[in-house]
Amino acid sequence: MGLEAKTMIDKNIVVIGAGPAGLGAAIEAAKHGVKDVLVIDINMKAGGQLFKQIHKFFGSAAHRAGVRGIAICEDMLTEAAGLGVEIWLNSTALGIFDDKVVQIEKKVNNIPEIVNVKAQKIIISTGASENAI
């Protein structure tokens, strides 16, 4: 199975991707009582496309009309932290193996460590990027 990992940990849910959908999924799981939720993202900052949204959103108040994407992301990160959601940035999912083991390259101070995470559930929320014409 993949690279040799020094560490194996257990989590109830692993979310791959810390954009709006991944953060939203983690927040909802934690709100419904799920403990040990881990979100991983390859980037140095969570939030995905929300950090590119400097304009104010349109629509209804229920959909955060008049709020900038970056502020929505900051609110989501605050809520996730308050619910005990763990977020690993600079971390790459290298593979998903038998028995729901996610192998992750986690970088701390730019030093990579391979960690295997045994999950009860895995949510893949790797997002999208705009493709200019």
N, C-alpha and C. Protein backbone atom coordinates (compact mmCIF):
# COMPACT_ATOMS: atom_id res chain seq x y z
N MET A 1 0.83 -1.18 0.00
CA MET A 1 0.00 0.00 0.00
C MET A 1 0.88 1.24 0.00
N GLY A 2 1.01 1.93 -1.10
CA GLY A 2 1.67 3.22 -1.17
C GLY A 2 3.04 3.24 -0.51
N LEU A 3 3.42 4.42 -0.02
CA LEU A 3 4.68 4.61 0.67
C LEU A 3 4.56 4.15 2.12
N GLU A 4 5.69 3.87 2.72
CA GLU A 4 5.66 3.45 4.13
C GLU A 4 5.40 4.67 5.01
N ALA A 5 4.42 4.53 5.87
CA ALA A 5 4.05 5.63 6.77
C ALA A 5 4.53 5.31 8.17
N LYS A 6 5.02 6.33 8.86
CA LYS A 6 5.44 6.16 10.25
C LYS A 6 4.23 6.13 11.18
N THR A 7 3.14 6.76 10.73
CA THR A 7 2.00 6.98 11.60
C THR A 7 0.72 6.46 10.98
N MET A 8 -0.14 5.85 11.81
CA MET A 8 -1.50 5.48 11.41
C MET A 8 -2.43 6.06 12.46
N ILE A 9 -3.39 6.86 12.02
CA ILE A 9 -4.36 7.43 12.95
C ILE A 9 -5.76 7.10 12.47
N ASP A 10 -6.72 7.20 13.38
CA ASP A 10 -8.12 6.94 13.06
C ASP A 10 -8.91 8.24 13.09
N LYS A 11 -9.79 8.41 12.11
CA LYS A 11 -10.71 9.54 12.06
C LYS A 11 -12.07 9.02 11.62
N ASN A 12 -13.12 9.66 12.08
CA ASN A 12 -14.45 9.26 11.63
C ASN A 12 -14.67 9.66 10.18
N ILE A 13 -14.29 10.90 9.85
CA ILE A 13 -14.45 11.39 8.47
C ILE A 13 -13.16 12.08 8.04
N VAL A 14 -12.72 11.78 6.82
CA VAL A 14 -11.64 12.52 6.17
C VAL A 14 -12.26 13.21 4.96
N VAL A 15 -12.09 14.52 4.89
CA VAL A 15 -12.55 15.31 3.75
C VAL A 15 -11.31 15.74 2.98
N ILE A 16 -11.28 15.39 1.70
CA ILE A 16 -10.16 15.79 0.85
C ILE A 16 -10.60 17.04 0.09
N GLY A 17 -10.03 18.17 0.47
CA GLY A 17 -10.36 19.46 -0.14
C GLY A 17 -10.97 20.40 0.87
N ALA A 18 -10.32 21.56 1.07
CA ALA A 18 -10.77 22.54 2.06
C ALA A 18 -11.37 23.77 1.40
N GLY A 19 -12.03 23.56 0.27
CA GLY A 19 -12.78 24.65 -0.36
C GLY A 19 -14.15 24.76 0.30
N PRO A 20 -15.05 25.55 -0.29
CA PRO A 20 -16.36 25.75 0.34
C PRO A 20 -17.15 24.46 0.52
N ALA A 21 -17.11 23.56 -0.43
CA ALA A 21 -17.87 22.30 -0.30
C ALA A 21 -17.26 21.40 0.77
N GLY A 22 -15.93 21.27 0.78
CA GLY A 22 -15.27 20.44 1.77
C GLY A 22 -15.45 20.98 3.18
N LEU A 23 -15.26 22.29 3.34
CA LEU A 23 -15.48 22.90 4.66
C LEU A 23 -16.93 22.76 5.09
N GLY A 24 -17.85 22.97 4.14
CA GLY A 24 -19.27 22.84 4.44
C GLY A 24 -19.63 21.43 4.89
N ALA A 25 -19.08 20.43 4.22
CA ALA A 25 -19.35 19.03 4.59
C ALA A 25 -18.81 18.73 5.99
N ALA A 26 -17.60 19.21 6.27
CA ALA A 26 -17.00 18.97 7.59
C ALA A 26 -17.80 19.66 8.69
N ILE A 27 -18.23 20.89 8.44
CA ILE A 27 -19.02 21.64 9.41
C ILE A 27 -20.34 20.93 9.68
N GLU A 28 -21.03 20.51 8.63
CA GLU A 28 -22.32 19.83 8.82
C GLU A 28 -22.15 18.52 9.58
N ALA A 29 -21.10 17.77 9.27
CA ALA A 29 -20.87 16.51 10.00
C ALA A 29 -20.65 16.79 11.48
N ALA A 30 -19.82 17.78 11.78
CA ALA A 30 -19.53 18.12 13.17
C ALA A 30 -20.77 18.65 13.88
N LYS A 31 -21.60 19.42 13.19
CA LYS A 31 -22.85 19.92 13.78
C LYS A 31 -23.78 18.78 14.16
N HIS A 32 -23.69 17.69 13.42
CA HIS A 32 -24.56 16.53 13.68
C HIS A 32 -23.88 15.51 14.60
N GLY A 33 -22.86 15.96 15.31
CA GLY A 33 -22.27 15.14 16.35
C GLY A 33 -21.10 14.26 15.96
N VAL A 34 -20.65 14.33 14.72
CA VAL A 34 -19.51 13.51 14.32
C VAL A 34 -18.24 14.11 14.92
N LYS A 35 -17.49 13.29 15.62
CA LYS A 35 -16.20 13.70 16.20
C LYS A 35 -15.08 13.23 15.29
N ASP A 36 -13.91 13.78 15.47
CA ASP A 36 -12.72 13.38 14.72
C ASP A 36 -12.90 13.56 13.21
N VAL A 37 -13.23 14.78 12.81
CA VAL A 37 -13.35 15.13 11.40
C VAL A 37 -12.04 15.80 10.98
N LEU A 38 -11.44 15.29 9.92
CA LEU A 38 -10.19 15.83 9.39
C LEU A 38 -10.41 16.32 7.97
N VAL A 39 -9.98 17.54 7.69
CA VAL A 39 -10.01 18.11 6.34
C VAL A 39 -8.56 18.30 5.90
N ILE A 40 -8.24 17.86 4.69
CA ILE A 40 -6.88 18.09 4.18
C ILE A 40 -6.96 18.88 2.89
N ASP A 41 -5.93 19.67 2.64
CA ASP A 41 -5.87 20.46 1.42
C ASP A 41 -4.41 20.67 1.02
N ILE A 42 -4.16 20.64 -0.25
CA ILE A 42 -2.81 20.79 -0.79
C ILE A 42 -2.31 22.24 -0.66
N ASN A 43 -3.21 23.18 -0.54
CA ASN A 43 -2.83 24.59 -0.52
C ASN A 43 -2.37 25.06 0.85
N MET A 44 -1.77 26.24 0.88
CA MET A 44 -1.28 26.83 2.12
C MET A 44 -2.39 27.54 2.88
N LYS A 45 -3.55 27.69 2.24
CA LYS A 45 -4.67 28.40 2.84
C LYS A 45 -5.95 27.65 2.50
N ALA A 46 -6.83 27.51 3.45
CA ALA A 46 -8.12 26.87 3.19
C ALA A 46 -9.07 27.88 2.54
N GLY A 47 -10.08 27.39 1.87
CA GLY A 47 -11.10 28.27 1.31
C GLY A 47 -11.33 28.11 -0.17
N GLY A 48 -10.38 27.52 -0.88
CA GLY A 48 -10.56 27.28 -2.31
C GLY A 48 -10.92 28.53 -3.08
N GLN A 49 -11.97 28.44 -3.87
CA GLN A 49 -12.40 29.55 -4.74
C GLN A 49 -12.90 30.76 -3.97
N LEU A 50 -13.30 30.58 -2.71
CA LEU A 50 -13.83 31.71 -1.95
C LEU A 50 -12.81 32.83 -1.80
N PHE A 51 -11.52 32.50 -1.73
CA PHE A 51 -10.51 33.54 -1.59
C PHE A 51 -10.33 34.36 -2.86
N LYS A 52 -10.82 33.86 -3.97
CA LYS A 52 -10.77 34.62 -5.23
C LYS A 52 -11.99 35.52 -5.38
N GLN A 53 -13.00 35.32 -4.55
CA GLN A 53 -14.27 36.04 -4.67
C GLN A 53 -14.19 37.35 -3.88
N ILE A 54 -13.66 38.39 -4.50
CA ILE A 54 -13.56 39.66 -3.80
C ILE A 54 -14.83 40.51 -3.97
N HIS A 55 -15.67 40.11 -4.93
CA HIS A 55 -16.94 40.83 -5.13
C HIS A 55 -17.96 40.38 -4.07
N LYS A 56 -19.01 41.13 -3.94
CA LYS A 56 -20.07 40.74 -3.02
C LYS A 56 -21.03 39.80 -3.75
N PHE A 57 -21.46 38.77 -3.04
CA PHE A 57 -22.34 37.78 -3.63
C PHE A 57 -23.73 38.36 -3.91
N PHE A 58 -24.39 37.79 -4.92
CA PHE A 58 -25.73 38.20 -5.30
C PHE A 58 -26.74 37.23 -4.70
N GLY A 59 -28.01 37.53 -4.80
CA GLY A 59 -29.04 36.60 -4.36
C GLY A 59 -29.68 37.03 -3.07
N SER A 60 -30.13 36.02 -2.33
CA SER A 60 -30.88 36.29 -1.11
C SER A 60 -29.95 36.34 0.11
N ALA A 61 -30.48 36.85 1.19
CA ALA A 61 -29.72 36.90 2.44
C ALA A 61 -29.36 35.49 2.91
N ALA A 62 -30.24 34.53 2.64
CA ALA A 62 -29.97 33.14 3.03
C ALA A 62 -28.74 32.59 2.32
N HIS A 63 -28.42 33.18 1.17
CA HIS A 63 -27.26 32.75 0.39
C HIS A 63 -26.11 33.74 0.51
N ARG A 64 -26.13 34.53 1.58
CA ARG A 64 -25.05 35.45 1.92
C ARG A 64 -24.88 36.58 0.92
N ALA A 65 -25.98 37.05 0.35
CA ALA A 65 -25.92 38.18 -0.58
C ALA A 65 -25.28 39.38 0.12
N GLY A 66 -24.45 40.10 -0.61
CA GLY A 66 -23.80 41.28 -0.09
C GLY A 66 -22.55 41.00 0.72
N VAL A 67 -22.14 39.73 0.79
CA VAL A 67 -20.95 39.35 1.55
C VAL A 67 -19.88 38.89 0.57
N ARG A 68 -18.65 39.27 0.83
CA ARG A 68 -17.53 38.86 -0.02
C ARG A 68 -17.12 37.41 0.30
N GLY A 69 -16.67 36.70 -0.71
CA GLY A 69 -16.27 35.30 -0.54
C GLY A 69 -15.23 35.11 0.54
N ILE A 70 -14.28 36.02 0.61
CA ILE A 70 -13.21 35.88 1.61
C ILE A 70 -13.78 35.95 3.03
N ALA A 71 -14.80 36.77 3.24
CA ALA A 71 -15.44 36.87 4.56
C ALA A 71 -16.23 35.59 4.86
N ILE A 72 -16.87 35.03 3.85
CA ILE A 72 -17.60 33.76 4.03
C ILE A 72 -16.62 32.67 4.45
N CYS A 73 -15.48 32.63 3.80
CA CYS A 73 -14.46 31.63 4.14
C CYS A 73 -13.98 31.80 5.57
N GLU A 74 -13.69 33.02 5.96
CA GLU A 74 -13.24 33.27 7.33
C GLU A 74 -14.29 32.81 8.34
N ASP A 75 -15.56 33.06 8.03
CA ASP A 75 -16.65 32.61 8.91
C ASP A 75 -16.69 31.08 9.00
N MET A 76 -16.51 30.42 7.84
CA MET A 76 -16.54 28.96 7.82
C MET A 76 -15.37 28.38 8.62
N LEU A 77 -14.19 28.98 8.49
CA LEU A 77 -13.03 28.49 9.23
C LEU A 77 -13.22 28.67 10.74
N THR A 78 -13.80 29.78 11.12
CA THR A 78 -14.08 30.03 12.54
C THR A 78 -15.08 29.00 13.06
N GLU A 79 -16.12 28.75 12.27
CA GLU A 79 -17.13 27.78 12.69
C GLU A 79 -16.53 26.37 12.78
N ALA A 80 -15.73 26.01 11.79
CA ALA A 80 -15.10 24.68 11.80
C ALA A 80 -14.21 24.51 13.03
N ALA A 81 -13.42 25.51 13.32
CA ALA A 81 -12.53 25.44 14.50
C ALA A 81 -13.36 25.30 15.78
N GLY A 82 -14.45 26.05 15.87
CA GLY A 82 -15.31 25.99 17.05
C GLY A 82 -15.96 24.63 17.23
N LEU A 83 -16.13 23.90 16.15
CA LEU A 83 -16.75 22.58 16.20
C LEU A 83 -15.71 21.46 16.35
N GLY A 84 -14.44 21.84 16.39
CA GLY A 84 -13.39 20.85 16.58
C GLY A 84 -12.91 20.17 15.31
N VAL A 85 -13.24 20.74 14.15
CA VAL A 85 -12.78 20.16 12.88
C VAL A 85 -11.28 20.44 12.76
N GLU A 86 -10.52 19.40 12.44
CA GLU A 86 -9.07 19.53 12.27
C GLU A 86 -8.78 19.77 10.79
N ILE A 87 -7.92 20.72 10.49
CA ILE A 87 -7.57 21.04 9.10
C ILE A 87 -6.06 20.95 8.94
N TRP A 88 -5.64 20.12 7.98
CA TRP A 88 -4.23 20.02 7.63
C TRP A 88 -4.04 20.69 6.27
N LEU A 89 -3.26 21.75 6.23
CA LEU A 89 -2.91 22.42 4.98
C LEU A 89 -1.55 21.90 4.52
N ASN A 90 -1.17 22.24 3.29
CA ASN A 90 0.08 21.72 2.70
C ASN A 90 0.11 20.20 2.78
N SER A 91 -1.03 19.58 2.60
CA SER A 91 -1.15 18.14 2.73
C SER A 91 -1.83 17.57 1.49
N THR A 92 -1.25 16.50 0.96
CA THR A 92 -1.72 15.91 -0.28
C THR A 92 -2.20 14.49 -0.05
N ALA A 93 -3.39 14.17 -0.53
CA ALA A 93 -3.86 12.78 -0.51
C ALA A 93 -3.11 12.03 -1.61
N LEU A 94 -2.31 11.07 -1.22
CA LEU A 94 -1.53 10.31 -2.19
C LEU A 94 -2.31 9.13 -2.75
N GLY A 95 -3.27 8.64 -1.97
CA GLY A 95 -4.07 7.52 -2.43
C GLY A 95 -5.08 7.10 -1.38
N ILE A 96 -6.07 6.38 -1.86
CA ILE A 96 -7.07 5.77 -0.98
C ILE A 96 -6.95 4.27 -1.19
N PHE A 97 -6.75 3.56 -0.10
CA PHE A 97 -6.47 2.14 -0.18
C PHE A 97 -7.57 1.32 0.50
N ASP A 98 -7.38 0.01 0.48
CA ASP A 98 -8.35 -0.90 1.10
C ASP A 98 -8.68 -0.46 2.51
N ASP A 99 -9.87 -0.78 2.94
CA ASP A 99 -10.33 -0.48 4.30
C ASP A 99 -10.35 1.01 4.61
N LYS A 100 -10.56 1.83 3.57
CA LYS A 100 -10.70 3.28 3.74
C LYS A 100 -9.50 3.93 4.42
N VAL A 101 -8.32 3.53 4.00
CA VAL A 101 -7.09 4.17 4.48
C VAL A 101 -6.68 5.23 3.45
N VAL A 102 -6.56 6.46 3.92
CA VAL A 102 -6.11 7.56 3.07
C VAL A 102 -4.65 7.83 3.42
N GLN A 103 -3.80 7.74 2.42
CA GLN A 103 -2.39 8.04 2.66
C GLN A 103 -2.16 9.51 2.30
N ILE A 104 -1.56 10.24 3.25
CA ILE A 104 -1.41 11.69 3.14
C ILE A 104 0.05 12.07 3.31
N GLU A 105 0.51 12.93 2.42
CA GLU A 105 1.81 13.58 2.64
C GLU A 105 1.52 14.91 3.31
N LYS A 106 1.87 14.98 4.57
CA LYS A 106 1.62 16.18 5.39
C LYS A 106 2.95 16.91 5.54
N LYS A 107 2.94 18.20 5.20
CA LYS A 107 4.17 18.99 5.34
C LYS A 107 4.03 19.94 6.53
N VAL A 108 4.97 19.83 7.44
CA VAL A 108 5.05 20.73 8.58
C VAL A 108 6.42 21.39 8.52
N ASN A 109 6.42 22.73 8.44
CA ASN A 109 7.67 23.48 8.26
C ASN A 109 8.43 22.99 7.04
N ASN A 110 7.67 22.68 5.99
CA ASN A 110 8.20 22.23 4.69
C ASN A 110 8.88 20.86 4.75
N ILE A 111 8.69 20.13 5.84
CA ILE A 111 9.25 18.78 5.97
C ILE A 111 8.10 17.78 5.79
N PRO A 112 8.20 16.93 4.74
CA PRO A 112 7.10 15.99 4.49
C PRO A 112 7.12 14.80 5.44
N GLU A 113 5.92 14.37 5.80
CA GLU A 113 5.73 13.17 6.62
C GLU A 113 4.58 12.40 5.98
N ILE A 114 4.74 11.11 5.86
CA ILE A 114 3.68 10.26 5.32
C ILE A 114 2.84 9.73 6.49
N VAL A 115 1.52 9.97 6.41
CA VAL A 115 0.60 9.56 7.46
C VAL A 115 -0.52 8.75 6.81
N ASN A 116 -0.83 7.61 7.39
CA ASN A 116 -2.00 6.83 6.97
C ASN A 116 -3.14 7.14 7.92
N VAL A 117 -4.30 7.45 7.35
CA VAL A 117 -5.47 7.78 8.16
C VAL A 117 -6.56 6.78 7.83
N LYS A 118 -6.97 6.03 8.83
CA LYS A 118 -8.08 5.07 8.69
C LYS A 118 -9.37 5.83 8.95
N ALA A 119 -10.23 5.89 7.95
CA ALA A 119 -11.47 6.67 8.05
C ALA A 119 -12.68 5.77 8.03
N GLN A 120 -13.73 6.20 8.73
CA GLN A 120 -15.02 5.51 8.61
C GLN A 120 -15.69 5.94 7.31
N LYS A 121 -15.56 7.23 6.98
CA LYS A 121 -16.13 7.79 5.74
C LYS A 121 -15.11 8.71 5.11
N ILE A 122 -15.10 8.78 3.78
CA ILE A 122 -14.21 9.67 3.03
C ILE A 122 -15.07 10.52 2.11
N ILE A 123 -14.85 11.82 2.16
CA ILE A 123 -15.54 12.75 1.27
C ILE A 123 -14.49 13.38 0.36
N ILE A 124 -14.68 13.23 -0.93
CA ILE A 124 -13.75 13.83 -1.89
C ILE A 124 -14.40 15.09 -2.43
N SER A 125 -13.77 16.21 -2.12
CA SER A 125 -14.31 17.52 -2.47
C SER A 125 -13.18 18.39 -3.00
N THR A 126 -12.61 17.95 -4.11
CA THR A 126 -11.40 18.59 -4.62
C THR A 126 -11.66 19.83 -5.46
N GLY A 127 -12.92 20.17 -5.67
CA GLY A 127 -13.25 21.45 -6.28
C GLY A 127 -13.02 21.53 -7.77
N ALA A 128 -12.92 22.76 -8.21
CA ALA A 128 -12.80 23.04 -9.63
C ALA A 128 -12.02 24.33 -9.81
N SER A 129 -11.59 24.57 -11.01
CA SER A 129 -10.96 25.85 -11.31
C SER A 129 -11.50 26.34 -12.64
N GLU A 130 -11.49 27.63 -12.79
CA GLU A 130 -12.00 28.22 -14.02
C GLU A 130 -11.04 27.94 -15.17
N ASN A 131 -11.62 27.74 -16.33
CA ASN A 131 -10.83 27.50 -17.52
C ASN A 131 -11.09 28.62 -18.50
N ALA A 132 -10.14 29.52 -18.62
CA ALA A 132 -10.33 30.70 -19.48
C ALA A 132 -10.44 30.30 -20.95
N ILE A 133 -11.30 31.03 -21.65
CA ILE A 133 -11.48 30.74 -23.09
C ILE A 133 -10.40 31.42 -23.87
